[in-house]
Amino acid sequence: MDRLLLILLGILVLFSGITYLLWRVAPRVKLVKYLPALLCLFAGGYYLYSAKTVHVEGFADLANVILAMMFLIGFGSGSVTGLILDFLVPRFKP
């Protein structure tokens, strides 16, 4: 369980960092920083769908649920970071 929490924390930091870097590289284009979150949403939805519908022998359903959880954590962290960069950071700039 500790490893899973560390992996999820690493994913959170990774996608927040990617969103921040995209914000620094292309500050004029507001939608670019939401691309990693959008890709994670699509991948998480796909794995969640495949976990519910495809019935394979063994633990494939459980693995798909765990991958969906990881991608949805990436979606959440990227989205929250993008929203913070859009709404809170401009208030603190002089």
Protein backbone atom coordinates (compact mmCIF):
# COMPACT_ATOMS: atom_id res chain seq x y z
CA MET A 1 0.00 0.00 0.00
CA ASP A 2 2.88 2.34 0.73
CA ARG A 3 4.30 1.78 -2.75
CA LEU A 4 0.98 2.60 -4.37
CA LEU A 5 0.73 5.87 -2.44
CA LEU A 6 4.27 6.80 -3.45
CA ILE A 7 3.50 6.00 -7.09
CA LEU A 8 0.34 8.11 -6.97
CA LEU A 9 2.25 10.98 -5.34
CA GLY A 10 4.90 10.70 -8.07
CA ILE A 11 2.22 10.83 -10.76
CA LEU A 12 0.71 13.88 -9.08
CA VAL A 13 4.06 15.67 -9.05
CA LEU A 14 4.87 14.59 -12.61
CA PHE A 15 1.68 15.90 -14.18
CA SER A 16 1.72 19.07 -12.12
CA GLY A 17 5.28 19.67 -13.33
CA ILE A 18 4.38 19.00 -16.96
CA THR A 19 1.46 21.41 -16.71
CA TYR A 20 3.68 24.07 -15.13
CA LEU A 21 6.36 23.64 -17.82
CA LEU A 22 3.78 23.94 -20.60
CA TRP A 23 2.48 27.11 -18.94
CA ARG A 24 6.01 28.57 -18.88
CA VAL A 25 6.77 27.60 -22.49
CA ALA A 26 3.53 28.84 -24.04
CA PRO A 27 2.06 31.50 -21.70
CA ARG A 28 -0.21 33.05 -24.35
CA VAL A 29 -1.96 29.83 -25.34
CA LYS A 30 -4.17 28.89 -22.38
CA LEU A 31 -5.38 25.51 -23.61
CA VAL A 32 -1.93 23.92 -24.12
CA LYS A 33 -1.44 23.34 -20.41
CA TYR A 34 -4.62 21.26 -20.23
CA LEU A 35 -3.49 18.72 -22.87
CA PRO A 36 -1.78 16.29 -20.43
CA ALA A 37 -4.87 16.31 -18.22
CA LEU A 38 -7.12 15.69 -21.21
CA LEU A 39 -4.97 12.79 -22.41
CA CYS A 40 -5.03 11.30 -18.92
CA LEU A 41 -8.81 11.61 -18.83
CA PHE A 42 -9.16 9.71 -22.10
CA ALA A 43 -6.68 7.01 -21.05
CA GLY A 44 -8.29 6.65 -17.61
CA GLY A 45 -11.73 6.37 -19.17
CA TYR A 46 -10.48 3.73 -21.59
CA TYR A 47 -8.95 1.59 -18.84
CA LEU A 48 -12.02 1.97 -16.67
CA TYR A 49 -14.24 0.95 -19.57
CA SER A 50 -12.05 -2.04 -20.41
CA ALA A 51 -12.03 -3.12 -16.77
CA LYS A 52 -15.82 -3.15 -16.73
CA THR A 53 -16.45 -4.80 -20.08
CA VAL A 54 -13.55 -7.05 -21.07
CA HIS A 55 -13.44 -10.23 -19.02
CA VAL A 56 -10.03 -11.82 -19.23
CA GLU A 57 -8.61 -14.61 -17.13
CA GLY A 58 -6.61 -13.64 -14.08
CA PHE A 59 -6.11 -10.22 -12.61
CA ALA A 60 -6.38 -8.17 -15.81
CA ASP A 61 -9.52 -6.40 -14.57
CA LEU A 62 -7.79 -5.36 -11.36
CA ALA A 63 -4.76 -4.12 -13.30
CA ASN A 64 -7.03 -2.05 -15.56
CA VAL A 65 -8.73 -0.49 -12.53
CA ILE A 66 -5.36 0.42 -11.00
CA LEU A 67 -4.18 1.95 -14.29
CA ALA A 68 -7.43 3.89 -14.55
CA MET A 69 -6.91 5.21 -11.04
CA MET A 70 -3.38 6.30 -11.90
CA PHE A 71 -4.47 8.12 -15.05
CA LEU A 72 -7.39 9.79 -13.28
CA ILE A 73 -5.01 11.02 -10.55
CA GLY A 74 -2.91 12.53 -13.36
CA PHE A 75 -6.04 14.14 -14.79
CA GLY A 76 -6.97 15.64 -11.43
CA SER A 77 -3.51 17.00 -10.67
CA GLY A 78 -3.07 18.48 -14.15
CA SER A 79 -6.50 20.09 -14.08
CA VAL A 80 -6.07 21.57 -10.60
CA THR A 81 -2.62 22.90 -11.47
CA GLY A 82 -3.96 24.46 -14.67
CA LEU A 83 -6.82 26.10 -12.81
CA ILE A 84 -4.45 27.45 -10.16
CA LEU A 85 -2.21 28.88 -12.87
CA ASP A 86 -5.20 30.47 -14.60
CA PHE A 87 -6.98 32.01 -11.65
CA LEU A 88 -4.64 32.43 -8.67
CA VAL A 89 -1.27 33.31 -10.21
CA PRO A 90 -2.48 36.41 -12.15
CA ARG A 91 -3.85 37.89 -8.91
CA PHE A 92 -0.43 37.84 -7.27
CA LYS A 93 1.53 39.31 -10.20
CA PRO A 94 2.32 43.03 -9.83
